Amino acid sequence: MKREEIELKVKNFLIEEIEVDEAVIKSDALLKEDLGIDSLDFVDIVVIVEKTFGIKIKPEEMAGVKTFEQFCDYIENKVK
């Protein structure tokens, strides 16, 4: 799966499922501060990502993930 596809899928579910404003989704946007993703949203995101990309997300691996770009990097590395 190409990087562009990953970013598009992540962006789409953030907009549709988590109701993030499309205008704030930029590569350097902070997940919590800029996108407003809280711990409950994160639980939903884990389920969506696991279903969409067929990968398992481990909370300890996500500790350093702070931005939209890092989140897409994480998914890209797991999908390979």
Protein backbone atom coordinates (compact mmCIF):
# COMPACT_ATOMS: atom_id res chain seq x y z
CA MET A 1 0.00 0.00 0.00
CA LYS A 2 1.35 3.40 -0.98
CA ARG A 3 1.94 6.21 1.50
CA GLU A 4 -0.65 8.41 -0.25
CA GLU A 5 -3.30 5.70 0.20
CA ILE A 6 -2.50 5.38 3.90
CA GLU A 7 -2.70 9.13 4.46
CA LEU A 8 -5.97 9.38 2.54
CA LYS A 9 -7.59 6.51 4.47
CA VAL A 10 -6.44 7.91 7.82
CA LYS A 11 -7.60 11.40 6.90
CA ASN A 12 -11.00 10.09 5.75
CA PHE A 13 -11.74 8.13 8.92
CA LEU A 14 -10.57 11.02 11.10
CA ILE A 15 -13.05 13.28 9.30
CA GLU A 16 -15.93 10.80 9.05
CA GLU A 17 -15.64 8.74 12.24
CA ILE A 18 -13.88 11.02 14.73
CA GLU A 19 -15.35 14.25 13.26
CA VAL A 20 -12.03 16.07 12.97
CA ASP A 21 -12.18 19.26 10.88
CA GLU A 22 -10.43 18.57 7.58
CA ALA A 23 -8.74 21.98 7.66
CA VAL A 24 -6.65 21.08 10.73
CA ILE A 25 -5.33 17.76 9.36
CA LYS A 26 -1.79 18.56 8.27
CA SER A 27 1.33 16.40 8.46
CA ASP A 28 2.69 18.26 11.50
CA ALA A 29 -0.67 18.49 13.29
CA LEU A 30 -0.49 17.18 16.86
CA LEU A 31 -3.00 14.39 17.43
CA LYS A 32 -4.18 15.58 20.83
CA GLU A 33 -3.67 19.34 20.74
CA ASP A 34 -4.44 20.17 17.08
CA LEU A 35 -6.82 17.37 16.10
CA GLY A 36 -8.54 17.11 19.49
CA ILE A 37 -8.17 13.34 19.72
CA ASP A 38 -8.75 12.14 23.26
CA SER A 39 -8.35 8.71 24.86
CA LEU A 40 -11.88 7.62 23.90
CA ASP A 41 -11.30 8.66 20.28
CA PHE A 42 -8.05 6.75 20.33
CA VAL A 43 -9.86 3.53 21.25
CA ASP A 44 -12.11 4.03 18.20
CA ILE A 45 -9.10 4.83 16.01
CA VAL A 46 -7.34 1.61 17.06
CA VAL A 47 -10.39 -0.44 16.06
CA ILE A 48 -10.74 1.40 12.72
CA VAL A 49 -7.02 1.09 11.89
CA GLU A 50 -6.94 -2.60 12.77
CA LYS A 51 -9.97 -3.25 10.58
CA THR A 52 -8.87 -0.99 7.70
CA PHE A 53 -5.21 -1.99 7.51
CA GLY A 54 -5.27 -5.46 9.07
CA ILE A 55 -2.62 -4.60 11.66
CA LYS A 56 -2.47 -4.72 15.45
CA ILE A 57 -1.65 -1.54 17.32
CA LYS A 58 0.26 -1.89 20.56
CA PRO A 59 -0.17 1.04 22.96
CA GLU A 60 3.50 0.96 23.97
CA GLU A 61 4.52 1.42 20.32
CA MET A 62 2.31 4.49 20.04
CA ALA A 63 3.95 6.29 22.98
CA GLY A 64 6.19 8.44 20.77
CA VAL A 65 3.56 9.11 18.11
CA LYS A 66 2.50 12.74 18.43
CA THR A 67 1.68 14.00 14.93
CA PHE A 68 -0.49 12.96 11.98
CA GLU A 69 2.67 12.26 9.96
CA GLN A 70 4.15 10.05 12.71
CA PHE A 71 0.86 8.17 12.94
CA CYS A 72 0.91 7.52 9.19
CA ASP A 73 4.59 6.50 9.47
CA TYR A 74 3.65 4.00 12.17
CA ILE A 75 0.89 2.48 10.01
CA GLU A 76 3.12 2.43 6.92
CA ASN A 77 5.84 0.53 8.81
CA LYS A 78 3.31 -2.01 10.15
CA VAL A 79 1.68 -2.60 6.75
CA LYS A 80 4.96 -3.47 4.99
